[in-house]
PDB file of N, CA and C in Angstrom:
ATOM      1  N   MET A   1     -43.916 -14.595  27.118  1.00  0.00           N
ATOM      2  CA  MET A   1     -43.002 -14.860  28.206  1.00  0.00           C
ATOM      3  C   MET A   1     -41.728 -15.482  27.657  1.00  0.00           C
ATOM      4  N   LYS A   2     -40.636 -15.118  28.267  1.00  0.00           N
ATOM      5  CA  LYS A   2     -39.333 -15.610  27.858  1.00  0.00           C
ATOM      6  C   LYS A   2     -38.806 -16.564  28.929  1.00  0.00           C
ATOM      7  N   ASN A   3     -38.206 -17.650  28.499  1.00  0.00           N
ATOM      8  CA  ASN A   3     -37.672 -18.649  29.420  1.00  0.00           C
ATOM      9  C   ASN A   3     -36.191 -18.862  29.178  1.00  0.00           C
ATOM     10  N   PHE A   4     -35.464 -19.090  30.258  1.00  0.00           N
ATOM     11  CA  PHE A   4     -34.065 -19.490  30.160  1.00  0.00           C
ATOM     12  C   PHE A   4     -33.687 -20.234  31.432  1.00  0.00           C
ATOM     13  N   THR A   5     -32.511 -20.805  31.448  1.00  0.00           N
ATOM     14  CA  THR A   5     -32.066 -21.645  32.556  1.00  0.00           C
ATOM     15  C   THR A   5     -30.734 -21.132  33.092  1.00  0.00           C
ATOM     16  N   LEU A   6     -30.599 -21.162  34.400  1.00  0.00           N
ATOM     17  CA  LEU A   6     -29.343 -20.809  35.053  1.00  0.00           C
ATOM     18  C   LEU A   6     -28.878 -21.987  35.897  1.00  0.00           C
ATOM     19  N   GLU A   7     -27.582 -22.087  36.080  1.00  0.00           N
ATOM     20  CA  GLU A   7     -27.041 -23.144  36.921  1.00  0.00           C
ATOM     21  C   GLU A   7     -27.099 -22.739  38.388  1.00  0.00           C
ATOM     22  N   LEU A   8     -27.346 -23.732  39.231  1.00  0.00           N
ATOM     23  CA  LEU A   8     -27.262 -23.563  40.681  1.00  0.00           C
ATOM     24  C   LEU A   8     -26.036 -24.314  41.159  1.00  0.00           C
ATOM     25  N   ASN A   9     -25.407 -23.797  42.209  1.00  0.00           N
ATOM     26  CA  ASN A   9     -24.315 -24.599  42.739  1.00  0.00           C
ATOM     27  C   ASN A   9     -24.912 -25.803  43.468  1.00  0.00           C
ATOM     28  N   LYS A  10     -24.129 -26.845  43.561  1.00  0.00           N
ATOM     29  CA  LYS A  10     -24.608 -28.106  44.124  1.00  0.00           C
ATOM     30  C   LYS A  10     -25.108 -27.936  45.558  1.00  0.00           C
ATOM     31  N   GLU A  11     -24.410 -27.143  46.351  1.00  0.00           N
ATOM     32  CA  GLU A  11     -24.792 -26.965  47.753  1.00  0.00           C
ATOM     33  C   GLU A  11     -26.175 -26.333  47.865  1.00  0.00           C
ATOM     34  N   THR A  12     -26.458 -25.325  47.035  1.00  0.00           N
ATOM     35  CA  THR A  12     -27.760 -24.665  47.060  1.00  0.00           C
ATOM     36  C   THR A  12     -28.856 -25.632  46.638  1.00  0.00           C
ATOM     37  N   ALA A  13     -28.628 -26.351  45.557  1.00  0.00           N
ATOM     38  CA  ALA A  13     -29.628 -27.309  45.074  1.00  0.00           C
ATOM     39  C   ALA A  13     -29.883 -28.398  46.120  1.00  0.00           C
ATOM     40  N   ASP A  14     -28.822 -28.907  46.719  1.00  0.00           N
ATOM     41  CA  ASP A  14     -28.967 -29.955  47.733  1.00  0.00           C
ATOM     42  C   ASP A  14     -29.710 -29.440  48.969  1.00  0.00           C
ATOM     43  N   TYR A  15     -29.408 -28.208  49.377  1.00  0.00           N
ATOM     44  CA  TYR A  15     -30.071 -27.613  50.528  1.00  0.00           C
ATOM     45  C   TYR A  15     -31.565 -27.432  50.265  1.00  0.00           C
ATOM     46  N   LEU A  16     -31.909 -26.901  49.103  1.00  0.00           N
ATOM     47  CA  LEU A  16     -33.323 -26.739  48.746  1.00  0.00           C
ATOM     48  C   LEU A  16     -34.030 -28.087  48.673  1.00  0.00           C
ATOM     49  N   GLN A  17     -33.359 -29.066  48.103  1.00  0.00           N
ATOM     50  CA  GLN A  17     -33.963 -30.392  48.001  1.00  0.00           C
ATOM     51  C   GLN A  17     -34.226 -30.976  49.386  1.00  0.00           C
ATOM     52  N   ARG A  18     -33.276 -30.813  50.296  1.00  0.00           N
ATOM     53  CA  ARG A  18     -33.453 -31.335  51.651  1.00  0.00           C
ATOM     54  C   ARG A  18     -34.636 -30.665  52.334  1.00  0.00           C
ATOM     55  N   LEU A  19     -34.738 -29.342  52.193  1.00  0.00           N
ATOM     56  CA  LEU A  19     -35.849 -28.626  52.812  1.00  0.00           C
ATOM     57  C   LEU A  19     -37.193 -29.019  52.188  1.00  0.00           C
ATOM     58  N   ALA A  20     -37.223 -29.157  50.865  1.00  0.00           N
ATOM     59  CA  ALA A  20     -38.456 -29.565  50.184  1.00  0.00           C
ATOM     60  C   ALA A  20     -38.881 -30.959  50.638  1.00  0.00           C
ATOM     61  N   TYR A  21     -37.922 -31.857  50.759  1.00  0.00           N
ATOM     62  CA  TYR A  21     -38.218 -33.214  51.217  1.00  0.00           C
ATOM     63  C   TYR A  21     -38.730 -33.203  52.655  1.00  0.00           C
ATOM     64  N   GLU A  22     -38.121 -32.373  53.497  1.00  0.00           N
ATOM     65  CA  GLU A  22     -38.551 -32.287  54.890  1.00  0.00           C
ATOM     66  C   GLU A  22     -39.994 -31.792  54.983  1.00  0.00           C
ATOM     67  N   VAL A  23     -40.341 -30.774  54.193  1.00  0.00           N
ATOM     68  CA  VAL A  23     -41.716 -30.270  54.180  1.00  0.00           C
ATOM     69  C   VAL A  23     -42.670 -31.376  53.721  1.00  0.00           C
ATOM     70  N   MET A  24     -42.312 -32.045  52.643  1.00  0.00           N
ATOM     71  CA  MET A  24     -43.167 -33.096  52.092  1.00  0.00           C
ATOM     72  C   MET A  24     -43.400 -34.224  53.094  1.00  0.00           C
ATOM     73  N   THR A  25     -42.342 -34.668  53.771  1.00  0.00           N
ATOM     74  CA  THR A  25     -42.510 -35.774  54.714  1.00  0.00           C
ATOM     75  C   THR A  25     -43.298 -35.341  55.944  1.00  0.00           C
ATOM     76  N   ARG A  26     -43.093 -34.113  56.404  1.00  0.00           N
ATOM     77  CA  ARG A  26     -43.865 -33.620  57.556  1.00  0.00           C
ATOM     78  C   ARG A  26     -45.349 -33.505  57.183  1.00  0.00           C
ATOM     79  N   LYS A  27     -45.632 -33.047  55.970  1.00  0.00           N
ATOM     80  CA  LYS A  27     -47.028 -32.963  55.514  1.00  0.00           C
ATOM     81  C   LYS A  27     -47.652 -34.352  55.479  1.00  0.00           C
ATOM     82  N   ASP A  28     -46.882 -35.322  55.019  1.00  0.00           N
ATOM     83  CA  ASP A  28     -47.385 -36.692  54.957  1.00  0.00           C
ATOM     84  C   ASP A  28     -47.735 -37.226  56.341  1.00  0.00           C
ATOM     85  N   VAL A  29     -46.886 -36.955  57.323  1.00  0.00           N
ATOM     86  CA  VAL A  29     -47.144 -37.428  58.693  1.00  0.00           C
ATOM     87  C   VAL A  29     -48.407 -36.777  59.245  1.00  0.00           C
ATOM     88  N   VAL A  30     -48.523 -35.455  59.086  1.00  0.00           N
ATOM     89  CA  VAL A  30     -49.701 -34.751  59.587  1.00  0.00           C
ATOM     90  C   VAL A  30     -50.957 -35.241  58.870  1.00  0.00           C
ATOM     91  N   ALA A  31     -50.887 -35.412  57.566  1.00  0.00           N
ATOM     92  CA  ALA A  31     -52.042 -35.899  56.808  1.00  0.00           C
ATOM     93  C   ALA A  31     -52.431 -37.309  57.264  1.00  0.00           C
ATOM     94  N   HIS A  32     -51.438 -38.157  57.516  1.00  0.00           N
ATOM     95  CA  HIS A  32     -51.720 -39.515  57.981  1.00  0.00           C
ATOM     96  C   HIS A  32     -52.402 -39.482  59.355  1.00  0.00           C
ATOM     97  N   MET A  33     -51.931 -38.604  60.225  1.00  0.00           N
ATOM     98  CA  MET A  33     -52.548 -38.499  61.553  1.00  0.00           C
ATOM     99  C   MET A  33     -54.008 -38.058  61.431  1.00  0.00           C
ATOM    100  N   LEU A  34     -54.267 -37.108  60.562  1.00  0.00           N
ATOM    101  CA  LEU A  34     -55.647 -36.648  60.358  1.00  0.00           C
ATOM    102  C   LEU A  34     -56.502 -37.740  59.720  1.00  0.00           C
ATOM    103  N   GLU A  35     -55.936 -38.438  58.755  1.00  0.00           N
ATOM    104  CA  GLU A  35     -56.671 -39.524  58.086  1.00  0.00           C
ATOM    105  C   GLU A  35     -56.994 -40.644  59.067  1.00  0.00           C
ATOM    106  N   SER A  36     -56.065 -40.935  59.955  1.00  0.00           N
ATOM    107  CA  SER A  36     -56.287 -41.987  60.946  1.00  0.00           C
ATOM    108  C   SER A  36     -57.420 -41.639  61.912  1.00  0.00           C
ATOM    109  N   ALA A  37     -57.666 -40.351  62.079  1.00  0.00           N
ATOM    110  CA  ALA A  37     -58.698 -39.913  63.027  1.00  0.00           C
ATOM    111  C   ALA A  37     -59.979 -39.465  62.330  1.00  0.00           C
ATOM    112  N   LYS A  38     -60.110 -39.756  61.056  1.00  0.00           N
ATOM    113  CA  LYS A  38     -61.260 -39.240  60.303  1.00  0.00           C
ATOM    114  C   LYS A  38     -62.602 -39.759  60.816  1.00  0.00           C
ATOM    115  N   ASP A  39     -62.613 -40.921  61.435  1.00  0.00           N
ATOM    116  CA  ASP A  39     -63.868 -41.477  61.947  1.00  0.00           C
ATOM    117  C   ASP A  39     -64.121 -41.131  63.414  1.00  0.00           C
ATOM    118  N   ASP A  40     -63.196 -40.370  64.003  1.00  0.00           N
ATOM    119  CA  ASP A  40     -63.393 -39.952  65.397  1.00  0.00           C
ATOM    120  C   ASP A  40     -64.615 -39.040  65.477  1.00  0.00           C
ATOM    121  N   THR A  41     -65.294 -39.102  66.595  1.00  0.00           N
ATOM    122  CA  THR A  41     -66.495 -38.279  66.771  1.00  0.00           C
ATOM    123  C   THR A  41     -66.180 -36.898  67.327  1.00  0.00           C
ATOM    124  N   ASP A  42     -64.910 -36.664  67.625  1.00  0.00           N
ATOM    125  CA  ASP A  42     -64.509 -35.335  68.106  1.00  0.00           C
ATOM    126  C   ASP A  42     -63.197 -34.927  67.434  1.00  0.00           C
ATOM    127  N   ALA A  43     -62.699 -33.781  67.784  1.00  0.00           N
ATOM    128  CA  ALA A  43     -61.466 -33.269  67.173  1.00  0.00           C
ATOM    129  C   ALA A  43     -60.274 -33.450  68.104  1.00  0.00           C
ATOM    130  N   SER A  44     -60.312 -34.476  68.924  1.00  0.00           N
ATOM    131  CA  SER A  44     -59.267 -34.669  69.929  1.00  0.00           C
ATOM    132  C   SER A  44     -57.876 -34.843  69.315  1.00  0.00           C
ATOM    133  N   VAL A  45     -57.811 -35.366  68.110  1.00  0.00           N
ATOM    134  CA  VAL A  45     -56.497 -35.543  67.479  1.00  0.00           C
ATOM    135  C   VAL A  45     -55.775 -34.207  67.354  1.00  0.00           C
ATOM    136  N   LEU A  46     -56.529 -33.135  67.128  1.00  0.00           N
ATOM    137  CA  LEU A  46     -55.919 -31.807  66.979  1.00  0.00           C
ATOM    138  C   LEU A  46     -55.314 -31.299  68.278  1.00  0.00           C
ATOM    139  N   ASP A  47     -55.808 -31.816  69.390  1.00  0.00           N
ATOM    140  CA  ASP A  47     -55.299 -31.410  70.703  1.00  0.00           C
ATOM    141  C   ASP A  47     -54.263 -32.382  71.255  1.00  0.00           C
ATOM    142  N   SER A  48     -53.982 -33.446  70.521  1.00  0.00           N
ATOM    143  CA  SER A  48     -53.048 -34.448  71.027  1.00  0.00           C
ATOM    144  C   SER A  48     -51.604 -33.933  70.963  1.00  0.00           C
ATOM    145  N   VAL A  49     -50.799 -34.411  71.873  1.00  0.00           N
ATOM    146  CA  VAL A  49     -49.393 -34.011  71.934  1.00  0.00           C
ATOM    147  C   VAL A  49     -48.643 -34.409  70.647  1.00  0.00           C
ATOM    148  N   PRO A  50     -48.818 -35.629  70.151  1.00  0.00           N
ATOM    149  CA  PRO A  50     -48.106 -35.975  68.913  1.00  0.00           C
ATOM    150  C   PRO A  50     -48.506 -35.085  67.723  1.00  0.00           C
ATOM    151  N   PHE A  51     -49.797 -34.820  67.574  1.00  0.00           N
ATOM    152  CA  PHE A  51     -50.232 -33.979  66.459  1.00  0.00           C
ATOM    153  C   PHE A  51     -49.626 -32.581  66.582  1.00  0.00           C
ATOM    154  N   LYS A  52     -49.720 -32.001  67.772  1.00  0.00           N
ATOM    155  CA  LYS A  52     -49.165 -30.652  67.968  1.00  0.00           C
ATOM    156  C   LYS A  52     -47.672 -30.634  67.686  1.00  0.00           C
ATOM    157  N   HIS A  53     -46.977 -31.688  68.091  1.00  0.00           N
ATOM    158  CA  HIS A  53     -45.535 -31.785  67.854  1.00  0.00           C
ATOM    159  C   HIS A  53     -45.224 -31.810  66.353  1.00  0.00           C
ATOM    160  N   TYR A  54     -45.888 -32.698  65.634  1.00  0.00           N
ATOM    161  CA  TYR A  54     -45.607 -32.813  64.196  1.00  0.00           C
ATOM    162  C   TYR A  54     -46.108 -31.602  63.421  1.00  0.00           C
ATOM    163  N   HIS A  55     -47.184 -30.998  63.874  1.00  0.00           N
ATOM    164  CA  HIS A  55     -47.665 -29.782  63.213  1.00  0.00           C
ATOM    165  C   HIS A  55     -46.647 -28.654  63.393  1.00  0.00           C
ATOM    166  N   LYS A  56     -46.065 -28.556  64.578  1.00  0.00           N
ATOM    167  CA  LYS A  56     -45.031 -27.550  64.839  1.00  0.00           C
ATOM    168  C   LYS A  56     -43.811 -27.816  63.963  1.00  0.00           C
ATOM    169  N   LEU A  57     -43.404 -29.075  63.850  1.00  0.00           N
ATOM    170  CA  LEU A  57     -42.267 -29.418  62.991  1.00  0.00           C
ATOM    171  C   LEU A  57     -42.556 -29.059  61.534  1.00  0.00           C
ATOM    172  N   LEU A  58     -43.786 -29.278  61.096  1.00  0.00           N
ATOM    173  CA  LEU A  58     -44.174 -28.913  59.733  1.00  0.00           C
ATOM    174  C   LEU A  58     -44.076 -27.406  59.540  1.00  0.00           C
ATOM    175  N   GLU A  59     -44.608 -26.649  60.482  1.00  0.00           N
ATOM    176  CA  GLU A  59     -44.546 -25.187  60.370  1.00  0.00           C
ATOM    177  C   GLU A  59     -43.099 -24.694  60.308  1.00  0.00           C
ATOM    178  N   GLU A  60     -42.236 -25.266  61.126  1.00  0.00           N
ATOM    179  CA  GLU A  60     -40.828 -24.881  61.127  1.00  0.00           C
ATOM    180  C   GLU A  60     -40.160 -25.240  59.800  1.00  0.00           C
ATOM    181  N   ALA A  61     -40.482 -26.412  59.267  1.00  0.00           N
ATOM    182  CA  ALA A  61     -39.906 -26.834  57.993  1.00  0.00           C
ATOM    183  C   ALA A  61     -40.374 -25.924  56.863  1.00  0.00           C
ATOM    184  N   GLU A  62     -41.661 -25.600  56.860  1.00  0.00           N
ATOM    185  CA  GLU A  62     -42.191 -24.701  55.825  1.00  0.00           C
ATOM    186  C   GLU A  62     -41.546 -23.325  55.919  1.00  0.00           C
ATOM    187  N   CYS A  63     -41.345 -22.837  57.113  1.00  0.00           N
ATOM    188  CA  CYS A  63     -40.710 -21.533  57.312  1.00  0.00           C
ATOM    189  C   CYS A  63     -39.272 -21.560  56.789  1.00  0.00           C
ATOM    190  N   SER A  64     -38.527 -22.587  57.127  1.00  0.00           N
ATOM    191  CA  SER A  64     -37.139 -22.712  56.648  1.00  0.00           C
ATOM    192  C   SER A  64     -37.090 -22.773  55.129  1.00  0.00           C
ATOM    193  N   TYR A  65     -37.997 -23.531  54.540  1.00  0.00           N
ATOM    194  CA  TYR A  65     -38.048 -23.665  53.081  1.00  0.00           C
ATOM    195  C   TYR A  65     -38.412 -22.333  52.425  1.00  0.00           C
ATOM    196  N   ASP A  66     -39.379 -21.625  52.989  1.00  0.00           N
ATOM    197  CA  ASP A  66     -39.774 -20.325  52.445  1.00  0.00           C
ATOM    198  C   ASP A  66     -38.624 -19.315  52.511  1.00  0.00           C
ATOM    199  N   VAL A  67     -37.896 -19.323  53.607  1.00  0.00           N
ATOM    200  CA  VAL A  67     -36.737 -18.422  53.745  1.00  0.00           C
ATOM    201  C   VAL A  67     -35.677 -18.766  52.712  1.00  0.00           C
ATOM    202  N   ALA A  68     -35.393 -20.039  52.538  1.00  0.00           N
ATOM    203  CA  ALA A  68     -34.386 -20.464  51.553  1.00  0.00           C
ATOM    204  C   ALA A  68     -34.811 -20.086  50.136  1.00  0.00           C
ATOM    205  N   LYS A  69     -36.097 -20.245  49.824  1.00  0.00           N
ATOM    206  CA  LYS A  69     -36.578 -19.865  48.494  1.00  0.00           C
ATOM    207  C   LYS A  69     -36.470 -18.358  48.288  1.00  0.00           C
ATOM    208  N   ALA A  70     -36.783 -17.575  49.310  1.00  0.00           N
ATOM    209  CA  ALA A  70     -36.673 -16.115  49.203  1.00  0.00           C
ATOM    210  C   ALA A  70     -35.218 -15.699  49.010  1.00  0.00           C
ATOM    211  N   GLU A  71     -34.310 -16.348  49.726  1.00  0.00           N
ATOM    212  CA  GLU A  71     -32.886 -16.056  49.576  1.00  0.00           C
ATOM    213  C   GLU A  71     -32.398 -16.416  48.172  1.00  0.00           C
ATOM    214  N   LEU A  72     -32.872 -17.549  47.656  1.00  0.00           N
ATOM    215  CA  LEU A  72     -32.491 -17.932  46.299  1.00  0.00           C
ATOM    216  C   LEU A  72     -33.001 -16.904  45.297  1.00  0.00           C
ATOM    217  N   GLU A  73     -34.247 -16.511  45.434  1.00  0.00           N
ATOM    218  CA  GLU A  73     -34.814 -15.530  44.497  1.00  0.00           C
ATOM    219  C   GLU A  73     -34.017 -14.225  44.544  1.00  0.00           C
ATOM    220  N   LYS A  74     -33.655 -13.810  45.728  1.00  0.00           N
ATOM    221  CA  LYS A  74     -32.858 -12.584  45.868  1.00  0.00           C
ATOM    222  C   LYS A  74     -31.497 -12.742  45.181  1.00  0.00           C
ATOM    223  N   SER A  75     -30.901 -13.912  45.317  1.00  0.00           N
ATOM    224  CA  SER A  75     -29.596 -14.148  44.675  1.00  0.00           C
ATOM    225  C   SER A  75     -29.717 -14.278  43.161  1.00  0.00           C
ATOM    226  N   LEU A  76     -30.908 -14.640  42.682  1.00  0.00           N
ATOM    227  CA  LEU A  76     -31.111 -14.759  41.238  1.00  0.00           C
ATOM    228  C   LEU A  76     -31.321 -13.404  40.563  1.00  0.00           C
ATOM    229  N   GLN A  77     -31.794 -12.416  41.301  1.00  0.00           N
ATOM    230  CA  GLN A  77     -32.122 -11.117  40.710  1.00  0.00           C
ATOM    231  C   GLN A  77     -30.975 -10.515  39.901  1.00  0.00           C
ATOM    232  N   PRO A  78     -29.747 -10.434  40.452  1.00  0.00           N
ATOM    233  CA  PRO A  78     -28.671  -9.858  39.639  1.00  0.00           C
ATOM    234  C   PRO A  78     -28.317 -10.708  38.420  1.00  0.00           C
ATOM    235  N   ARG A  79     -28.470 -12.006  38.531  1.00  0.00           N
ATOM    236  CA  ARG A  79     -28.164 -12.881  37.389  1.00  0.00           C
ATOM    237  C   ARG A  79     -29.209 -12.716  36.287  1.00  0.00           C
ATOM    238  N   VAL A  80     -30.466 -12.555  36.679  1.00  0.00           N
ATOM    239  CA  VAL A  80     -31.530 -12.318  35.700  1.00  0.00           C
ATOM    240  C   VAL A  80     -31.327 -10.941  35.062  1.00  0.00           C
ATOM    241  N   LEU A  81     -30.983  -9.950  35.872  1.00  0.00           N
ATOM    242  CA  LEU A  81     -30.705  -8.604  35.363  1.00  0.00           C
ATOM    243  C   LEU A  81     -29.579  -8.646  34.335  1.00  0.00           C
ATOM    244  N   GLU A  82     -28.520  -9.373  34.651  1.00  0.00           N
ATOM    245  CA  GLU A  82     -27.399  -9.500  33.711  1.00  0.00           C
ATOM    246  C   GLU A  82     -27.836 -10.185  32.419  1.00  0.00           C
ATOM    247  N   HIS A  83     -28.631 -11.223  32.541  1.00  0.00           N
ATOM    248  CA  HIS A  83     -29.090 -11.964  31.363  1.00  0.00           C
ATOM    249  C   HIS A  83     -30.016 -11.127  30.495  1.00  0.00           C
ATOM    250  N   GLU A  84     -30.907 -10.370  31.117  1.00  0.00           N
ATOM    251  CA  GLU A  84     -31.925  -9.616  30.394  1.00  0.00           C
ATOM    252  C   GLU A  84     -31.474  -8.202  30.031  1.00  0.00           C
ATOM    253  N   GLY A  85     -30.477  -7.694  30.725  1.00  0.00           N
ATOM    254  CA  GLY A  85     -30.019  -6.340  30.462  1.00  0.00           C
ATOM    255  C   GLY A  85     -30.897  -5.268  31.072  1.00  0.00           C
ATOM    256  N   LYS A  86     -31.891  -5.688  31.835  1.00  0.00           N
ATOM    257  CA  LYS A  86     -32.778  -4.748  32.526  1.00  0.00           C
ATOM    258  C   LYS A  86     -33.446  -5.475  33.679  1.00  0.00           C
ATOM    259  N   ASP A  87     -33.971  -4.687  34.603  1.00  0.00           N
ATOM    260  CA  ASP A  87     -34.659  -5.248  35.764  1.00  0.00           C
ATOM    261  C   ASP A  87     -36.044  -5.726  35.330  1.00  0.00           C
ATOM    262  N   VAL A  88     -36.329  -6.994  35.540  1.00  0.00           N
ATOM    263  CA  VAL A  88     -37.621  -7.567  35.142  1.00  0.00           C
ATOM    264  C   VAL A  88     -38.182  -8.411  36.280  1.00  0.00           C
ATOM    265  N   LYS A  89     -39.473  -8.610  36.244  1.00  0.00           N
ATOM    266  CA  LYS A  89     -40.111  -9.548  37.170  1.00  0.00           C
ATOM    267  C   LYS A  89     -39.976 -10.939  36.563  1.00  0.00           C
ATOM    268  N   PHE A  90     -39.796 -11.915  37.442  1.00  0.00           N
ATOM    269  CA  PHE A  90     -39.613 -13.285  36.952  1.00  0.00           C
ATOM    270  C   PHE A  90     -40.153 -14.286  37.947  1.00  0.00           C
ATOM    271  N   ARG A  91     -40.401 -15.464  37.433  1.00  0.00           N
ATOM    272  CA  ARG A  91     -40.755 -16.646  38.220  1.00  0.00           C
ATOM    273  C   ARG A  91     -39.625 -17.633  38.048  1.00  0.00           C
ATOM    274  N   TRP A  92     -39.439 -18.491  39.015  1.00  0.00           N
ATOM    275  CA  TRP A  92     -38.399 -19.499  38.885  1.00  0.00           C
ATOM    276  C   TRP A  92     -38.906 -20.840  39.414  1.00  0.00           C
ATOM    277  N   ALA A  93     -38.265 -21.900  38.955  1.00  0.00           N
ATOM    278  CA  ALA A  93     -38.616 -23.243  39.422  1.00  0.00           C
ATOM    279  C   ALA A  93     -37.413 -24.162  39.271  1.00  0.00           C
ATOM    280  N   VAL A  94     -37.252 -25.028  40.234  1.00  0.00           N
ATOM    281  CA  VAL A  94     -36.265 -26.097  40.138  1.00  0.00           C
ATOM    282  C   VAL A  94     -37.087 -27.367  39.944  1.00  0.00           C
ATOM    283  N   THR A  95     -37.015 -27.944  38.747  1.00  0.00           N
ATOM    284  CA  THR A  95     -37.853 -29.103  38.448  1.00  0.00           C
ATOM    285  C   THR A  95     -37.171 -30.429  38.767  1.00  0.00           C
ATOM    286  N   ASP A  96     -35.845 -30.422  38.793  1.00  0.00           N
ATOM    287  CA  ASP A  96     -35.098 -31.632  39.125  1.00  0.00           C
ATOM    288  C   ASP A  96     -33.835 -31.189  39.856  1.00  0.00           C
ATOM    289  N   PHE A  97     -33.815 -31.404  41.163  1.00  0.00           N
ATOM    290  CA  PHE A  97     -32.702 -30.925  41.969  1.00  0.00           C
ATOM    291  C   PHE A  97     -31.363 -31.511  41.535  1.00  0.00           C
ATOM    292  N   SER A  98     -31.368 -32.720  41.000  1.00  0.00           N
ATOM    293  CA  SER A  98     -30.112 -33.361  40.616  1.00  0.00           C
ATOM    294  C   SER A  98     -29.448 -32.680  39.418  1.00  0.00           C
ATOM    295  N   GLU A  99     -30.227 -31.909  38.654  1.00  0.00           N
ATOM    296  CA  GLU A  99     -29.662 -31.195  37.497  1.00  0.00           C
ATOM    297  C   GLU A  99     -28.921 -29.929  37.912  1.00  0.00           C
ATOM    298  N   HIS A 100     -29.216 -29.420  39.111  1.00  0.00           N
ATOM    299  CA  HIS A 100     -28.618 -28.172  39.608  1.00  0.00           C
ATOM    300  C   HIS A 100     -28.926 -27.010  38.671  1.00  0.00           C
ATOM    301  N   LEU A 101     -30.169 -26.982  38.181  1.00  0.00           N
ATOM    302  CA  LEU A 101     -30.608 -25.917  37.279  1.00  0.00           C
ATOM    303  C   LEU A 101     -31.857 -25.251  37.834  1.00  0.00           C
ATOM    304  N   VAL A 102     -31.963 -23.961  37.570  1.00  0.00           N
ATOM    305  CA  VAL A 102     -33.168 -23.226  37.924  1.00  0.00           C
ATOM    306  C   VAL A 102     -33.725 -22.648  36.628  1.00  0.00           C
ATOM    307  N   HIS A 103     -35.000 -22.884  36.398  1.00  0.00           N
ATOM    308  CA  HIS A 103     -35.661 -22.420  35.183  1.00  0.00           C
ATOM    309  C   HIS A 103     -36.326 -21.074  35.474  1.00  0.00           C
ATOM    310  N   ILE A 104     -35.999 -20.106  34.656  1.00  0.00           N
ATOM    311  CA  ILE A 104     -36.489 -18.738  34.843  1.00  0.00           C
ATOM    312  C   ILE A 104     -37.527 -18.429  33.777  1.00  0.00           C
ATOM    313  N   THR A 105     -38.641 -17.838  34.192  1.00  0.00           N
ATOM    314  CA  THR A 105     -39.650 -17.324  33.272  1.00  0.00           C
ATOM    315  C   THR A 105     -39.762 -15.836  33.519  1.00  0.00           C
ATOM    316  N   VAL A 106     -39.430 -15.048  32.496  1.00  0.00           N
ATOM    317  CA  VAL A 106     -39.562 -13.601  32.597  1.00  0.00           C
ATOM    318  C   VAL A 106     -41.017 -13.257  32.352  1.00  0.00           C
ATOM    319  N   LEU A 107     -41.589 -12.492  33.276  1.00  0.00           N
ATOM    320  CA  LEU A 107     -42.994 -12.122  33.187  1.00  0.00           C
ATOM    321  C   LEU A 107     -43.123 -10.849  32.363  1.00  0.00           C
ATOM    322  N   GLU A 108     -44.056 -10.824  31.461  1.00  0.00           N
ATOM    323  CA  GLU A 108     -44.289  -9.646  30.620  1.00  0.00           C
ATOM    324  C   GLU A 108     -45.012  -8.575  31.405  1.00  0.00           C
ATOM    325  N   GLY A 109     -44.737  -7.324  31.052  1.00  0.00           N
ATOM    326  CA  GLY A 109     -45.452  -6.175  31.624  1.00  0.00           C
ATOM    327  C   GLY A 109     -45.082  -5.963  33.002  1.00  0.00           C
TER     328      GLY A 109
END
């Protein structure tokens, strides 16, 4: 596998970071609600208005984040093609949003 790094513009990196943080915090709230009800003898927490509200917010945040990641991957395709000189499959990761870098791994075969 071949690895290289591309720069992201600050706005894209900041937007992805905000969405990732939103997903993480929503997951934490939902997990806390479930943990708080772990000794309940029924599943009433799942039917509660607050749980349904935060679960919906989590789903919306995850959807927004997934769309943003798909858009980023689509925008990376021509840059990877230019770097590699051919169309290849790749994986990408942003390990530190403050660096404004995306790490690309070209997949073999």
